[in-house]
Each structure stands twice: as C-alpha cells, then as structure tokens.
Amino acid sequence: MTHIAQETGLSREQLYRSFSQNGNPTLKTTLAVLKALGLSLSLKHPS
C-alpha cells in the first residue's frame, strides 16, 4: 500500500478510506491506482 500511495501521490489513509467497504473512490483515484499497479481500464461499446 505504501508503494501505491507513493506512485499515486495519495496518502495511505486516503487509499484505505476510498477503497473500504463504505468507500466511494473517484474515477481519478481508481485510474491512478490501476496505473500504479501496471493495469489499465478500457471500455468497449457493445456491438
């Protein structure tokens, strides 16, 4: 979690709060965490 916090520029507390059971992370936070993990999010229009 420390590494992800450093990579995203968010505090560990912010990350834990955002992704807790009652959390509600923003798209910006979610994308930053995915990027820190080496992942990406893609959307596809249904055919």
PDB file of N, CA and C in Angstrom:
ATOM      1  N   MET A   1       0.822  -1.190   0.000  1.00  0.00           N
ATOM      2  CA  MET A   1       0.000   0.000   0.000  1.00  0.00           C
ATOM      3  C   MET A   1       0.867   1.255   0.000  1.00  0.00           C
ATOM      4  N   THR A   2       2.001   1.184   0.678  1.00  0.00           N
ATOM      5  CA  THR A   2       2.896   2.342   0.707  1.00  0.00           C
ATOM      6  C   THR A   2       3.391   2.678  -0.691  1.00  0.00           C
ATOM      7  N   HIS A   3       3.756   1.655  -1.450  1.00  0.00           N
ATOM      8  CA  HIS A   3       4.240   1.868  -2.821  1.00  0.00           C
ATOM      9  C   HIS A   3       3.146   2.516  -3.673  1.00  0.00           C
ATOM     10  N   ILE A   4       1.936   2.020  -3.562  1.00  0.00           N
ATOM     11  CA  ILE A   4       0.825   2.579  -4.342  1.00  0.00           C
ATOM     12  C   ILE A   4       0.578   4.027  -3.931  1.00  0.00           C
ATOM     13  N   ALA A   5       0.650   4.303  -2.641  1.00  0.00           N
ATOM     14  CA  ALA A   5       0.464   5.676  -2.162  1.00  0.00           C
ATOM     15  C   ALA A   5       1.526   6.594  -2.762  1.00  0.00           C
ATOM     16  N   GLN A   6       2.764   6.141  -2.778  1.00  0.00           N
ATOM     17  CA  GLN A   6       3.843   6.953  -3.349  1.00  0.00           C
ATOM     18  C   GLN A   6       3.634   7.165  -4.843  1.00  0.00           C
ATOM     19  N   GLU A   7       3.252   6.126  -5.550  1.00  0.00           N
ATOM     20  CA  GLU A   7       3.065   6.213  -7.001  1.00  0.00           C
ATOM     21  C   GLU A   7       1.895   7.119  -7.384  1.00  0.00           C
ATOM     22  N   THR A   8       0.855   7.117  -6.575  1.00  0.00           N
ATOM     23  CA  THR A   8      -0.343   7.891  -6.899  1.00  0.00           C
ATOM     24  C   THR A   8      -0.312   9.305  -6.329  1.00  0.00           C
ATOM     25  N   GLY A   9       0.552   9.545  -5.349  1.00  0.00           N
ATOM     26  CA  GLY A   9       0.576  10.846  -4.691  1.00  0.00           C
ATOM     27  C   GLY A   9      -0.527  11.001  -3.660  1.00  0.00           C
ATOM     28  N   LEU A  10      -1.179   9.904  -3.327  1.00  0.00           N
ATOM     29  CA  LEU A  10      -2.230   9.917  -2.309  1.00  0.00           C
ATOM     30  C   LEU A  10      -1.674   9.322  -1.021  1.00  0.00           C
ATOM     31  N   SER A  11      -2.273   9.660   0.096  1.00  0.00           N
ATOM     32  CA  SER A  11      -1.823   9.082   1.362  1.00  0.00           C
ATOM     33  C   SER A  11      -2.418   7.684   1.518  1.00  0.00           C
ATOM     34  N   ARG A  12      -1.769   6.890   2.355  1.00  0.00           N
ATOM     35  CA  ARG A  12      -2.297   5.550   2.635  1.00  0.00           C
ATOM     36  C   ARG A  12      -3.703   5.659   3.225  1.00  0.00           C
ATOM     37  N   GLU A  13      -3.893   6.647   4.088  1.00  0.00           N
ATOM     38  CA  GLU A  13      -5.205   6.848   4.703  1.00  0.00           C
ATOM     39  C   GLU A  13      -6.269   7.122   3.646  1.00  0.00           C
ATOM     40  N   GLN A  14      -5.944   7.973   2.666  1.00  0.00           N
ATOM     41  CA  GLN A  14      -6.899   8.270   1.589  1.00  0.00           C
ATOM     42  C   GLN A  14      -7.242   7.004   0.811  1.00  0.00           C
ATOM     43  N   LEU A  15      -6.232   6.189   0.535  1.00  0.00           N
ATOM     44  CA  LEU A  15      -6.474   4.962  -0.220  1.00  0.00           C
ATOM     45  C   LEU A  15      -7.342   3.990   0.569  1.00  0.00           C
ATOM     46  N   TYR A  16      -7.003   3.789   1.842  1.00  0.00           N
ATOM     47  CA  TYR A  16      -7.805   2.884   2.665  1.00  0.00           C
ATOM     48  C   TYR A  16      -9.245   3.374   2.765  1.00  0.00           C
ATOM     49  N   ARG A  17      -9.426   4.677   2.951  1.00  0.00           N
ATOM     50  CA  ARG A  17     -10.771   5.242   3.067  1.00  0.00           C
ATOM     51  C   ARG A  17     -11.542   5.077   1.755  1.00  0.00           C
ATOM     52  N   SER A  18     -10.876   5.350   0.641  1.00  0.00           N
ATOM     53  CA  SER A  18     -11.538   5.280  -0.663  1.00  0.00           C
ATOM     54  C   SER A  18     -11.985   3.871  -1.019  1.00  0.00           C
ATOM     55  N   PHE A  19     -11.144   2.887  -0.678  1.00  0.00           N
ATOM     56  CA  PHE A  19     -11.432   1.519  -1.100  1.00  0.00           C
ATOM     57  C   PHE A  19     -11.966   0.637   0.023  1.00  0.00           C
ATOM     58  N   SER A  20     -12.387   1.253   1.122  1.00  0.00           N
ATOM     59  CA  SER A  20     -13.010   0.491   2.202  1.00  0.00           C
ATOM     60  C   SER A  20     -14.412   0.063   1.769  1.00  0.00           C
ATOM     61  N   GLN A  21     -15.032  -0.751   2.583  1.00  0.00           N
ATOM     62  CA  GLN A  21     -16.374  -1.242   2.266  1.00  0.00           C
ATOM     63  C   GLN A  21     -17.358  -0.092   2.060  1.00  0.00           C
ATOM     64  N   ASN A  22     -17.211   0.966   2.825  1.00  0.00           N
ATOM     65  CA  ASN A  22     -18.104   2.122   2.703  1.00  0.00           C
ATOM     66  C   ASN A  22     -17.500   3.232   1.860  1.00  0.00           C
ATOM     67  N   GLY A  23     -16.348   2.978   1.268  1.00  0.00           N
ATOM     68  CA  GLY A  23     -15.673   3.988   0.466  1.00  0.00           C
ATOM     69  C   GLY A  23     -16.360   4.205  -0.872  1.00  0.00           C
ATOM     70  N   ASN A  24     -15.985   5.284  -1.504  1.00  0.00           N
ATOM     71  CA  ASN A  24     -16.542   5.617  -2.805  1.00  0.00           C
ATOM     72  C   ASN A  24     -15.452   6.322  -3.613  1.00  0.00           C
ATOM     73  N   PRO A  25     -14.488   5.541  -4.141  1.00  0.00           N
ATOM     74  CA  PRO A  25     -13.358   6.167  -4.829  1.00  0.00           C
ATOM     75  C   PRO A  25     -13.792   6.873  -6.108  1.00  0.00           C
ATOM     76  N   THR A  26     -13.136   7.969  -6.392  1.00  0.00           N
ATOM     77  CA  THR A  26     -13.413   8.675  -7.640  1.00  0.00           C
ATOM     78  C   THR A  26     -12.778   7.904  -8.792  1.00  0.00           C
ATOM     79  N   LEU A  27     -13.200   8.220  -9.980  1.00  0.00           N
ATOM     80  CA  LEU A  27     -12.597   7.603 -11.158  1.00  0.00           C
ATOM     81  C   LEU A  27     -11.118   7.963 -11.224  1.00  0.00           C
ATOM     82  N   LYS A  28     -10.790   9.193 -10.879  1.00  0.00           N
ATOM     83  CA  LYS A  28      -9.394   9.641 -10.894  1.00  0.00           C
ATOM     84  C   LYS A  28      -8.542   8.790  -9.951  1.00  0.00           C
ATOM     85  N   THR A  29      -9.035   8.542  -8.750  1.00  0.00           N
ATOM     86  CA  THR A  29      -8.308   7.717  -7.786  1.00  0.00           C
ATOM     87  C   THR A  29      -8.176   6.288  -8.287  1.00  0.00           C
ATOM     88  N   THR A  30      -9.254   5.747  -8.810  1.00  0.00           N
ATOM     89  CA  THR A  30      -9.236   4.378  -9.323  1.00  0.00           C
ATOM     90  C   THR A  30      -8.237   4.232 -10.458  1.00  0.00           C
ATOM     91  N   LEU A  31      -8.230   5.172 -11.380  1.00  0.00           N
ATOM     92  CA  LEU A  31      -7.294   5.110 -12.506  1.00  0.00           C
ATOM     93  C   LEU A  31      -5.853   5.254 -12.034  1.00  0.00           C
ATOM     94  N   ALA A  32      -5.614   6.097 -11.048  1.00  0.00           N
ATOM     95  CA  ALA A  32      -4.263   6.272 -10.514  1.00  0.00           C
ATOM     96  C   ALA A  32      -3.760   4.982  -9.874  1.00  0.00           C
ATOM     97  N   VAL A  33      -4.628   4.304  -9.136  1.00  0.00           N
ATOM     98  CA  VAL A  33      -4.244   3.039  -8.506  1.00  0.00           C
ATOM     99  C   VAL A  33      -3.996   1.969  -9.567  1.00  0.00           C
ATOM    100  N   LEU A  34      -4.856   1.895 -10.558  1.00  0.00           N
ATOM    101  CA  LEU A  34      -4.651   0.927 -11.637  1.00  0.00           C
ATOM    102  C   LEU A  34      -3.320   1.174 -12.340  1.00  0.00           C
ATOM    103  N   LYS A  35      -3.005   2.424 -12.606  1.00  0.00           N
ATOM    104  CA  LYS A  35      -1.734   2.765 -13.260  1.00  0.00           C
ATOM    105  C   LYS A  35      -0.556   2.352 -12.384  1.00  0.00           C
ATOM    106  N   ALA A  36      -0.652   2.599 -11.080  1.00  0.00           N
ATOM    107  CA  ALA A  36       0.416   2.222 -10.149  1.00  0.00           C
ATOM    108  C   ALA A  36       0.616   0.711 -10.112  1.00  0.00           C
ATOM    109  N   LEU A  37      -0.448  -0.031 -10.377  1.00  0.00           N
ATOM    110  CA  LEU A  37      -0.374  -1.497 -10.400  1.00  0.00           C
ATOM    111  C   LEU A  37       0.019  -2.031 -11.771  1.00  0.00           C
ATOM    112  N   GLY A  38       0.203  -1.142 -12.732  1.00  0.00           N
ATOM    113  CA  GLY A  38       0.565  -1.564 -14.082  1.00  0.00           C
ATOM    114  C   GLY A  38      -0.619  -2.069 -14.882  1.00  0.00           C
ATOM    115  N   LEU A  39      -1.808  -1.638 -14.494  1.00  0.00           N
ATOM    116  CA  LEU A  39      -3.039  -2.059 -15.162  1.00  0.00           C
ATOM    117  C   LEU A  39      -3.701  -0.857 -15.825  1.00  0.00           C
ATOM    118  N   SER A  40      -4.652  -1.129 -16.682  1.00  0.00           N
ATOM    119  CA  SER A  40      -5.424  -0.056 -17.297  1.00  0.00           C
ATOM    120  C   SER A  40      -6.880  -0.484 -17.378  1.00  0.00           C
ATOM    121  N   LEU A  41      -7.726   0.476 -17.579  1.00  0.00           N
ATOM    122  CA  LEU A  41      -9.156   0.245 -17.702  1.00  0.00           C
ATOM    123  C   LEU A  41      -9.558   0.605 -19.115  1.00  0.00           C
ATOM    124  N   SER A  42     -10.289  -0.269 -19.753  1.00  0.00           N
ATOM    125  CA  SER A  42     -10.772   0.058 -21.093  1.00  0.00           C
ATOM    126  C   SER A  42     -12.269  -0.191 -21.151  1.00  0.00           C
ATOM    127  N   LEU A  43     -12.919   0.596 -21.962  1.00  0.00           N
ATOM    128  CA  LEU A  43     -14.358   0.484 -22.157  1.00  0.00           C
ATOM    129  C   LEU A  43     -14.611   0.112 -23.602  1.00  0.00           C
ATOM    130  N   LYS A  44     -15.633  -0.674 -23.802  1.00  0.00           N
ATOM    131  CA  LYS A  44     -15.957  -1.104 -25.153  1.00  0.00           C
ATOM    132  C   LYS A  44     -17.456  -0.953 -25.358  1.00  0.00           C
ATOM    133  N   HIS A  45     -17.809  -0.318 -26.430  1.00  0.00           N
ATOM    134  CA  HIS A  45     -19.212  -0.160 -26.773  1.00  0.00           C
ATOM    135  C   HIS A  45     -19.749  -1.531 -27.183  1.00  0.00           C
ATOM    136  N   PRO A  46     -20.888  -1.945 -26.642  1.00  0.00           N
ATOM    137  CA  PRO A  46     -21.434  -3.250 -27.022  1.00  0.00           C
ATOM    138  C   PRO A  46     -21.823  -3.270 -28.498  1.00  0.00           C
ATOM    139  N   SER A  47     -21.542  -4.355 -29.124  1.00  0.00           N
ATOM    140  CA  SER A  47     -21.847  -4.485 -30.563  1.00  0.00           C
ATOM    141  C   SER A  47     -23.296  -4.816 -30.792  1.00  0.00           C
TER     142      SER A  47
END
